[in-house]
Amino acid sequence: MAKVSTFLKYLLIIFNFVFGVAGGVIFILGILAKRYYVGEPGGDTLNYAKDVAIAIGGVTMAITFCGVYGAKKENKCMLGLFFTGLLICLIVLLIVAVPVAMFKSEGFETIETVFRNHIPLDEKGGALLDSLSWDSLQKGGECCGLVNGYADWGREIPDSCNCVAFSSSDCVEVQEKRSQLTNYDLPRKVYKQPCMYVVFEILESALKIVFGFTLGFAVIALIGMILSMTLCCQVRKKSIQSNGSLPPQYSEISKNAAYY
């Protein structure tokens, strides 16, 4: 009589336990972030990220429950739900990640076009970010302007562009009339690098994290699907033999002429 591998059962349970703990951590972090970290007004992207983290964590824990229960009780239905859940999650991730990877350069070109449409920044920059956000971006990123550097600000270059970098190669000297009482321009050092490249670096890092997560999840999902499908086949074979409905083996057929 066919038996279900005990090793395979507990391997799938351990797999789901680790997978479930990871989902629980993501879920709890999302809840804590939503409860205690309000963020800046209008931070819709951050709020969306919190909701996504909560949803991912909840779905992960639900899927792992099906896997643990199905492996422990040798339940074909729960193992099938576990397999289907992993398959759906894998397909959704691939649907999101593959187009992003394929059209990444076009996306960056679109962002650059949007940035160029908001130049000069002293007149149109407020449509992208408020003054505090501009200051945070330029000070934190050690950059000035968007596409063409400090020239994007027109006649009024904000103080957040002032270069305080240790390397002089990161700065550029500009002549600006700083006082209405003088008729001559005063030298001033500002950051040379446009902020567009800083934004692109941040997006590149975020995309690498997303692609790394997608690849890692794909490998984990495939392992879980293989384990669950193998265990499900063993459970099914055991159930068939227990009911006495297992088809006769070829060796038995060849020995008994009545089967012909």
C-alpha atoms as a PDB file:
ATOM      1  CA  MET A   1       0.000   0.000   0.000  1.00  0.00           C
ATOM      2  CA  ALA A   2       1.286   3.444  -0.968  1.00  0.00           C
ATOM      3  CA  LYS A   3       2.375   5.695   1.852  1.00  0.00           C
ATOM      4  CA  VAL A   4       2.695   9.444   2.148  1.00  0.00           C
ATOM      5  CA  SER A   5       6.294  10.492   2.769  1.00  0.00           C
ATOM      6  CA  THR A   6       6.644  11.788   6.335  1.00  0.00           C
ATOM      7  CA  PHE A   7       9.791  13.649   5.329  1.00  0.00           C
ATOM      8  CA  LEU A   8       7.926  15.423   2.528  1.00  0.00           C
ATOM      9  CA  LYS A   9       5.052  16.322   4.858  1.00  0.00           C
ATOM     10  CA  TYR A  10       7.269  17.969   7.452  1.00  0.00           C
ATOM     11  CA  LEU A  11       9.426  19.592   4.805  1.00  0.00           C
ATOM     12  CA  LEU A  12       6.321  21.294   3.401  1.00  0.00           C
ATOM     13  CA  ILE A  13       5.200  22.281   6.927  1.00  0.00           C
ATOM     14  CA  ILE A  14       8.605  23.844   7.684  1.00  0.00           C
ATOM     15  CA  PHE A  15       8.556  25.589   4.305  1.00  0.00           C
ATOM     16  CA  ASN A  16       5.152  27.063   5.049  1.00  0.00           C
ATOM     17  CA  PHE A  17       6.165  28.034   8.578  1.00  0.00           C
ATOM     18  CA  VAL A  18       9.108  30.114   7.306  1.00  0.00           C
ATOM     19  CA  PHE A  19       6.969  31.512   4.498  1.00  0.00           C
ATOM     20  CA  GLY A  20       4.192  32.370   6.965  1.00  0.00           C
ATOM     21  CA  VAL A  21       6.561  34.074   9.426  1.00  0.00           C
ATOM     22  CA  ALA A  22       7.847  36.279   6.601  1.00  0.00           C
ATOM     23  CA  GLY A  23       4.268  37.147   5.637  1.00  0.00           C
ATOM     24  CA  GLY A  24       3.404  37.870   9.273  1.00  0.00           C
ATOM     25  CA  VAL A  25       6.354  40.235   9.632  1.00  0.00           C
ATOM     26  CA  ILE A  26       5.316  42.114   6.489  1.00  0.00           C
ATOM     27  CA  PHE A  27       1.728  42.278   7.736  1.00  0.00           C
ATOM     28  CA  ILE A  28       2.721  43.590  11.181  1.00  0.00           C
ATOM     29  CA  LEU A  29       5.110  46.168   9.727  1.00  0.00           C
ATOM     30  CA  GLY A  30       2.339  47.412   7.448  1.00  0.00           C
ATOM     31  CA  ILE A  31      -0.078  47.707  10.371  1.00  0.00           C
ATOM     32  CA  LEU A  32       2.473  49.515  12.552  1.00  0.00           C
ATOM     33  CA  ALA A  33       3.419  51.886   9.740  1.00  0.00           C
ATOM     34  CA  LYS A  34      -0.231  52.689   9.082  1.00  0.00           C
ATOM     35  CA  ARG A  35      -0.938  53.187  12.781  1.00  0.00           C
ATOM     36  CA  TYR A  36       2.097  55.115  14.004  1.00  0.00           C
ATOM     37  CA  TYR A  37       3.746  56.660  10.934  1.00  0.00           C
ATOM     38  CA  VAL A  38       1.454  59.219   9.373  1.00  0.00           C
ATOM     39  CA  GLY A  39       4.013  60.754   7.026  1.00  0.00           C
ATOM     40  CA  GLU A  40       3.715  64.026   5.183  1.00  0.00           C
ATOM     41  CA  PRO A  41       0.373  65.420   4.049  1.00  0.00           C
ATOM     42  CA  GLY A  42      -0.568  64.164   0.630  1.00  0.00           C
ATOM     43  CA  GLY A  43       1.731  61.152   0.866  1.00  0.00           C
ATOM     44  CA  ASP A  44      -0.574  58.956  -1.204  1.00  0.00           C
ATOM     45  CA  THR A  45       2.293  56.784  -2.465  1.00  0.00           C
ATOM     46  CA  LEU A  46       3.414  55.945   1.063  1.00  0.00           C
ATOM     47  CA  ASN A  47      -0.148  55.116   2.135  1.00  0.00           C
ATOM     48  CA  TYR A  48      -0.505  52.882  -0.915  1.00  0.00           C
ATOM     49  CA  ALA A  49       2.739  51.073   0.013  1.00  0.00           C
ATOM     50  CA  LYS A  50       1.396  50.440   3.527  1.00  0.00           C
ATOM     51  CA  ASP A  51      -1.840  48.959   2.155  1.00  0.00           C
ATOM     52  CA  VAL A  52       0.107  46.782  -0.291  1.00  0.00           C
ATOM     53  CA  ALA A  53       2.323  45.477   2.535  1.00  0.00           C
ATOM     54  CA  ILE A  54      -0.748  44.602   4.619  1.00  0.00           C
ATOM     55  CA  ALA A  55      -2.394  42.860   1.659  1.00  0.00           C
ATOM     56  CA  ILE A  56       0.751  40.874   0.778  1.00  0.00           C
ATOM     57  CA  GLY A  57       1.236  39.797   4.376  1.00  0.00           C
ATOM     58  CA  GLY A  58      -2.411  38.751   4.776  1.00  0.00           C
ATOM     59  CA  VAL A  59      -2.504  36.767   1.535  1.00  0.00           C
ATOM     60  CA  THR A  60       0.804  35.079   2.374  1.00  0.00           C
ATOM     61  CA  MET A  61      -0.442  33.932   5.791  1.00  0.00           C
ATOM     62  CA  ALA A  62      -3.700  32.637   4.268  1.00  0.00           C
ATOM     63  CA  ILE A  63      -1.799  30.635   1.641  1.00  0.00           C
ATOM     64  CA  THR A  64       0.604  29.172   4.201  1.00  0.00           C
ATOM     65  CA  PHE A  65      -2.325  28.124   6.411  1.00  0.00           C
ATOM     66  CA  CYS A  66      -3.685  26.077   3.513  1.00  0.00           C
ATOM     67  CA  GLY A  67      -0.266  24.507   3.004  1.00  0.00           C
ATOM     68  CA  VAL A  68       0.284  23.600   6.660  1.00  0.00           C
ATOM     69  CA  TYR A  69      -3.238  22.235   7.141  1.00  0.00           C
ATOM     70  CA  GLY A  70      -3.120  20.308   3.880  1.00  0.00           C
ATOM     71  CA  ALA A  71       0.246  18.735   4.688  1.00  0.00           C
ATOM     72  CA  LYS A  72      -0.634  17.900   8.297  1.00  0.00           C
ATOM     73  CA  LYS A  73      -4.074  16.411   7.552  1.00  0.00           C
ATOM     74  CA  GLU A  74      -3.133  15.069   4.106  1.00  0.00           C
ATOM     75  CA  ASN A  75      -6.001  17.055   2.645  1.00  0.00           C
ATOM     76  CA  LYS A  76      -5.981  17.199  -1.141  1.00  0.00           C
ATOM     77  CA  CYS A  77      -8.355  20.187  -1.264  1.00  0.00           C
ATOM     78  CA  MET A  78      -6.161  22.376   0.959  1.00  0.00           C
ATOM     79  CA  LEU A  79      -3.026  21.308  -0.879  1.00  0.00           C
ATOM     80  CA  GLY A  80      -4.749  22.236  -4.124  1.00  0.00           C
ATOM     81  CA  LEU A  81      -5.681  25.662  -2.702  1.00  0.00           C
ATOM     82  CA  PHE A  82      -2.081  26.165  -1.600  1.00  0.00           C
ATOM     83  CA  PHE A  83      -0.800  25.276  -5.074  1.00  0.00           C
ATOM     84  CA  THR A  84      -3.383  27.516  -6.764  1.00  0.00           C
ATOM     85  CA  GLY A  85      -2.652  30.438  -4.439  1.00  0.00           C
ATOM     86  CA  LEU A  86       1.070  30.291  -5.152  1.00  0.00           C
ATOM     87  CA  LEU A  87       0.408  29.994  -8.872  1.00  0.00           C
ATOM     88  CA  ILE A  88      -1.893  33.042  -8.902  1.00  0.00           C
ATOM     89  CA  CYS A  89       0.583  35.139  -6.881  1.00  0.00           C
ATOM     90  CA  LEU A  90       3.413  34.128  -9.201  1.00  0.00           C
ATOM     91  CA  ILE A  91       1.415  35.031 -12.308  1.00  0.00           C
ATOM     92  CA  VAL A  92       0.398  38.420 -10.862  1.00  0.00           C
ATOM     93  CA  LEU A  93       3.995  39.260  -9.962  1.00  0.00           C
ATOM     94  CA  LEU A  94       5.209  38.302 -13.431  1.00  0.00           C
ATOM     95  CA  ILE A  95       2.445  40.351 -15.060  1.00  0.00           C
ATOM     96  CA  VAL A  96       3.630  43.388 -13.085  1.00  0.00           C
ATOM     97  CA  ALA A  97       7.398  42.846 -13.218  1.00  0.00           C
ATOM     98  CA  VAL A  98       7.919  41.797 -16.840  1.00  0.00           C
ATOM     99  CA  PRO A  99       6.315  44.891 -18.477  1.00  0.00           C
ATOM    100  CA  VAL A 100       8.167  47.161 -16.037  1.00  0.00           C
ATOM    101  CA  ALA A 101      11.475  45.545 -17.019  1.00  0.00           C
ATOM    102  CA  MET A 102      10.663  45.726 -20.728  1.00  0.00           C
ATOM    103  CA  PHE A 103       9.536  49.361 -20.769  1.00  0.00           C
ATOM    104  CA  LYS A 104      11.874  50.773 -18.102  1.00  0.00           C
ATOM    105  CA  SER A 105      13.767  53.021 -20.516  1.00  0.00           C
ATOM    106  CA  GLU A 106      10.521  54.354 -22.007  1.00  0.00           C
ATOM    107  CA  GLY A 107       9.306  55.103 -18.497  1.00  0.00           C
ATOM    108  CA  PHE A 108      12.429  57.093 -17.685  1.00  0.00           C
ATOM    109  CA  GLU A 109      12.036  59.043 -20.938  1.00  0.00           C
ATOM    110  CA  THR A 110       8.452  59.877 -19.983  1.00  0.00           C
ATOM    111  CA  ILE A 111       9.592  61.095 -16.565  1.00  0.00           C
ATOM    112  CA  GLU A 112      12.259  63.269 -18.181  1.00  0.00           C
ATOM    113  CA  THR A 113       9.641  64.781 -20.508  1.00  0.00           C
ATOM    114  CA  VAL A 114       7.442  65.608 -17.521  1.00  0.00           C
ATOM    115  CA  PHE A 115      10.396  67.242 -15.773  1.00  0.00           C
ATOM    116  CA  ARG A 116      11.234  69.357 -18.825  1.00  0.00           C
ATOM    117  CA  ASN A 117       7.647  70.556 -19.027  1.00  0.00           C
ATOM    118  CA  HIS A 118       7.983  72.063 -15.521  1.00  0.00           C
ATOM    119  CA  ILE A 119      10.984  74.256 -16.323  1.00  0.00           C
ATOM    120  CA  PRO A 120      11.631  77.007 -15.205  1.00  0.00           C
ATOM    121  CA  LEU A 121      11.178  75.702 -11.700  1.00  0.00           C
ATOM    122  CA  ASP A 122      10.734  79.113 -10.078  1.00  0.00           C
ATOM    123  CA  GLU A 123       7.488  79.396 -12.053  1.00  0.00           C
ATOM    124  CA  LYS A 124       6.298  75.796 -12.543  1.00  0.00           C
ATOM    125  CA  GLY A 125       8.191  73.772  -9.954  1.00  0.00           C
ATOM    126  CA  GLY A 126       5.396  74.076  -7.402  1.00  0.00           C
ATOM    127  CA  ALA A 127       3.247  71.820  -9.582  1.00  0.00           C
ATOM    128  CA  LEU A 128       5.659  68.950  -8.913  1.00  0.00           C
ATOM    129  CA  LEU A 129       6.773  69.507  -5.311  1.00  0.00           C
ATOM    130  CA  ASP A 130       6.269  72.083  -2.587  1.00  0.00           C
ATOM    131  CA  SER A 131       9.187  74.190  -1.346  1.00  0.00           C
ATOM    132  CA  LEU A 132       9.959  71.893   1.600  1.00  0.00           C
ATOM    133  CA  SER A 133      10.091  68.840  -0.638  1.00  0.00           C
ATOM    134  CA  TRP A 134      12.371  70.641  -3.076  1.00  0.00           C
ATOM    135  CA  ASP A 135      14.696  71.567  -0.216  1.00  0.00           C
ATOM    136  CA  SER A 136      14.735  67.971   1.052  1.00  0.00           C
ATOM    137  CA  LEU A 137      15.456  66.579  -2.407  1.00  0.00           C
ATOM    138  CA  GLN A 138      18.239  69.026  -3.231  1.00  0.00           C
ATOM    139  CA  LYS A 139      19.947  68.887   0.167  1.00  0.00           C
ATOM    140  CA  GLY A 140      19.623  65.133   0.580  1.00  0.00           C
ATOM    141  CA  GLY A 141      20.537  64.332  -3.019  1.00  0.00           C
ATOM    142  CA  GLU A 142      23.212  67.031  -3.247  1.00  0.00           C
ATOM    143  CA  CYS A 143      21.737  68.246  -6.498  1.00  0.00           C
ATOM    144  CA  CYS A 144      20.173  71.366  -7.963  1.00  0.00           C
ATOM    145  CA  GLY A 145      17.431  71.795 -10.533  1.00  0.00           C
ATOM    146  CA  LEU A 146      16.014  68.922 -12.526  1.00  0.00           C
ATOM    147  CA  VAL A 147      17.435  68.496 -16.013  1.00  0.00           C
ATOM    148  CA  ASN A 148      19.934  71.302 -16.659  1.00  0.00           C
ATOM    149  CA  GLY A 149      21.156  71.941 -13.134  1.00  0.00           C
ATOM    150  CA  TYR A 150      20.858  75.308 -11.392  1.00  0.00           C
ATOM    151  CA  ALA A 151      19.784  76.971 -14.659  1.00  0.00           C
ATOM    152  CA  ASP A 152      16.371  75.297 -14.287  1.00  0.00           C
ATOM    153  CA  TRP A 153      15.560  77.690 -11.438  1.00  0.00           C
ATOM    154  CA  GLY A 154      15.759  80.751 -13.615  1.00  0.00           C
ATOM    155  CA  ARG A 155      16.610  83.887 -11.657  1.00  0.00           C
ATOM    156  CA  GLU A 156      15.875  82.578  -8.167  1.00  0.00           C
ATOM    157  CA  ILE A 157      18.094  79.712  -7.082  1.00  0.00           C
ATOM    158  CA  PRO A 158      16.993  78.404  -3.649  1.00  0.00           C
ATOM    159  CA  ASP A 159      19.439  78.146  -0.770  1.00  0.00           C
ATOM    160  CA  SER A 160      19.045  74.358  -0.742  1.00  0.00           C
ATOM    161  CA  CYS A 161      21.202  74.349  -3.887  1.00  0.00           C
ATOM    162  CA  ASN A 162      24.172  75.761  -1.958  1.00  0.00           C
ATOM    163  CA  CYS A 163      27.041  73.313  -2.294  1.00  0.00           C
ATOM    164  CA  VAL A 164      28.486  72.018   0.968  1.00  0.00           C
ATOM    165  CA  ALA A 165      30.158  68.958  -0.539  1.00  0.00           C
ATOM    166  CA  PHE A 166      33.750  68.138   0.361  1.00  0.00           C
ATOM    167  CA  SER A 167      34.706  67.608  -3.261  1.00  0.00           C
ATOM    168  CA  SER A 168      34.905  70.769  -5.328  1.00  0.00           C
ATOM    169  CA  SER A 169      34.086  68.743  -8.445  1.00  0.00           C
ATOM    170  CA  ASP A 170      30.506  68.425  -7.166  1.00  0.00           C
ATOM    171  CA  CYS A 171      30.073  72.202  -7.127  1.00  0.00           C
ATOM    172  CA  VAL A 172      29.859  74.895  -9.748  1.00  0.00           C
ATOM    173  CA  GLU A 173      30.335  78.605  -9.226  1.00  0.00           C
ATOM    174  CA  VAL A 174      27.611  80.954 -10.395  1.00  0.00           C
ATOM    175  CA  GLN A 175      27.337  84.725 -10.378  1.00  0.00           C
ATOM    176  CA  GLU A 176      24.205  85.969  -8.700  1.00  0.00           C
ATOM    177  CA  LYS A 177      23.100  89.405  -7.571  1.00  0.00           C
ATOM    178  CA  ARG A 178      22.460  88.743  -3.914  1.00  0.00           C
ATOM    179  CA  SER A 179      21.694  92.305  -2.785  1.00  0.00           C
ATOM    180  CA  GLN A 180      19.696  95.147  -4.264  1.00  0.00           C
ATOM    181  CA  LEU A 181      22.181  97.593  -2.670  1.00  0.00           C
ATOM    182  CA  THR A 182      25.032  96.461  -4.884  1.00  0.00           C
ATOM    183  CA  ASN A 183      25.418  96.695  -8.639  1.00  0.00           C
ATOM    184  CA  TYR A 184      27.758  93.740  -8.968  1.00  0.00           C
ATOM    185  CA  ASP A 185      27.245  90.008  -8.835  1.00  0.00           C
ATOM    186  CA  LEU A 186      28.531  87.866  -5.975  1.00  0.00           C
ATOM    187  CA  PRO A 187      30.070  84.413  -6.520  1.00  0.00           C
ATOM    188  CA  ARG A 188      28.135  81.464  -5.170  1.00  0.00           C
ATOM    189  CA  LYS A 189      28.751  77.708  -5.243  1.00  0.00           C
ATOM    190  CA  VAL A 190      25.826  75.393  -5.998  1.00  0.00           C
ATOM    191  CA  TYR A 191      25.491  71.701  -6.737  1.00  0.00           C
ATOM    192  CA  LYS A 192      26.433  70.740 -10.282  1.00  0.00           C
ATOM    193  CA  GLN A 193      24.367  67.542 -10.625  1.00  0.00           C
ATOM    194  CA  PRO A 194      20.708  67.869 -11.724  1.00  0.00           C
ATOM    195  CA  CYS A 195      18.208  66.125  -9.428  1.00  0.00           C
ATOM    196  CA  MET A 196      16.779  64.105 -12.305  1.00  0.00           C
ATOM    197  CA  TYR A 197      19.706  61.699 -12.072  1.00  0.00           C
ATOM    198  CA  VAL A 198      19.231  61.375  -8.320  1.00  0.00           C
ATOM    199  CA  VAL A 199      15.566  60.488  -8.915  1.00  0.00           C
ATOM    200  CA  PHE A 200      16.592  57.947 -11.555  1.00  0.00           C
ATOM    201  CA  GLU A 201      19.086  56.352  -9.138  1.00  0.00           C
ATOM    202  CA  ILE A 202      16.347  56.028  -6.512  1.00  0.00           C
ATOM    203  CA  LEU A 203      14.001  54.465  -9.066  1.00  0.00           C
ATOM    204  CA  GLU A 204      16.747  52.088 -10.253  1.00  0.00           C
ATOM    205  CA  SER A 205      17.350  50.949  -6.679  1.00  0.00           C
ATOM    206  CA  ALA A 206      13.621  50.461  -6.112  1.00  0.00           C
ATOM    207  CA  LEU A 207      13.304  48.455  -9.333  1.00  0.00           C
ATOM    208  CA  LYS A 208      16.236  46.240  -8.341  1.00  0.00           C
ATOM    209  CA  ILE A 209      14.506  45.513  -5.041  1.00  0.00           C
ATOM    210  CA  VAL A 210      11.253  44.715  -6.853  1.00  0.00           C
ATOM    211  CA  PHE A 211      12.975  42.445  -9.381  1.00  0.00           C
ATOM    212  CA  GLY A 212      14.981  40.734  -6.637  1.00  0.00           C
ATOM    213  CA  PHE A 213      11.811  40.148  -4.631  1.00  0.00           C
ATOM    214  CA  THR A 214      10.034  38.819  -7.722  1.00  0.00           C
ATOM    215  CA  LEU A 215      12.881  36.422  -8.551  1.00  0.00           C
ATOM    216  CA  GLY A 216      13.146  35.235  -4.957  1.00  0.00           C
ATOM    217  CA  PHE A 217       9.401  34.721  -4.657  1.00  0.00           C
ATOM    218  CA  ALA A 218       9.322  32.889  -7.993  1.00  0.00           C
ATOM    219  CA  VAL A 219      11.951  30.407  -6.783  1.00  0.00           C
ATOM    220  CA  ILE A 220      10.189  29.929  -3.425  1.00  0.00           C
ATOM    221  CA  ALA A 221       6.804  29.562  -5.113  1.00  0.00           C
ATOM    222  CA  LEU A 222       8.116  26.936  -7.546  1.00  0.00           C
ATOM    223  CA  ILE A 223       9.622  24.939  -4.665  1.00  0.00           C
ATOM    224  CA  GLY A 224       6.349  25.123  -2.738  1.00  0.00           C
ATOM    225  CA  MET A 225       4.324  24.149  -5.784  1.00  0.00           C
ATOM    226  CA  ILE A 226       6.550  21.135  -6.485  1.00  0.00           C
ATOM    227  CA  LEU A 227       6.357  19.979  -2.855  1.00  0.00           C
ATOM    228  CA  SER A 228       2.589  20.421  -2.648  1.00  0.00           C
ATOM    229  CA  MET A 229       1.931  18.719  -5.980  1.00  0.00           C
ATOM    230  CA  THR A 230       4.176  15.763  -5.070  1.00  0.00           C
ATOM    231  CA  LEU A 231       2.477  15.375  -1.696  1.00  0.00           C
ATOM    232  CA  CYS A 232      -0.962  15.729  -3.273  1.00  0.00           C
ATOM    233  CA  CYS A 233      -0.164  12.928  -5.741  1.00  0.00           C
ATOM    234  CA  GLN A 234       0.974  10.690  -2.888  1.00  0.00           C
ATOM    235  CA  VAL A 235      -2.209  11.429  -0.924  1.00  0.00           C
ATOM    236  CA  ARG A 236      -4.333  10.721  -3.987  1.00  0.00           C
ATOM    237  CA  LYS A 237      -2.570   7.412  -4.658  1.00  0.00           C
ATOM    238  CA  LYS A 238      -2.985   6.391  -1.013  1.00  0.00           C
ATOM    239  CA  SER A 239      -6.671   7.295  -1.113  1.00  0.00           C
ATOM    240  CA  ILE A 240      -7.262   5.270  -4.277  1.00  0.00           C
ATOM    241  CA  GLN A 241      -5.563   2.216  -2.828  1.00  0.00           C
ATOM    242  CA  SER A 242      -7.496   2.566   0.436  1.00  0.00           C
ATOM    243  CA  ASN A 243     -10.761   2.527  -1.504  1.00  0.00           C
ATOM    244  CA  GLY A 244      -9.697  -0.523  -3.430  1.00  0.00           C
ATOM    245  CA  SER A 245     -10.119   1.225  -6.762  1.00  0.00           C
ATOM    246  CA  LEU A 246      -6.486   1.305  -7.823  1.00  0.00           C
ATOM    247  CA  PRO A 247      -6.118   0.029 -11.417  1.00  0.00           C
ATOM    248  CA  PRO A 248      -4.218  -3.262 -11.703  1.00  0.00           C
ATOM    249  CA  GLN A 249      -0.529  -3.119 -12.485  1.00  0.00           C
ATOM    250  CA  TYR A 250       0.742  -4.236 -15.908  1.00  0.00           C
ATOM    251  CA  SER A 251       2.533  -7.225 -14.359  1.00  0.00           C
ATOM    252  CA  GLU A 252      -0.742  -8.435 -12.859  1.00  0.00           C
ATOM    253  CA  ILE A 253      -2.562  -8.013 -16.182  1.00  0.00           C
ATOM    254  CA  SER A 254       0.040 -10.037 -18.070  1.00  0.00           C
ATOM    255  CA  LYS A 255      -0.305 -12.954 -15.597  1.00  0.00           C
ATOM    256  CA  ASN A 256      -4.071 -13.119 -15.733  1.00  0.00           C
ATOM    257  CA  ALA A 257      -5.604 -13.950 -19.088  1.00  0.00           C
ATOM    258  CA  ALA A 258      -9.010 -12.870 -17.815  1.00  0.00           C
ATOM    259  CA  TYR A 259      -8.025  -9.228 -18.236  1.00  0.00           C
ATOM    260  CA  TYR A 260      -7.550  -9.617 -21.980  1.00  0.00           C
END
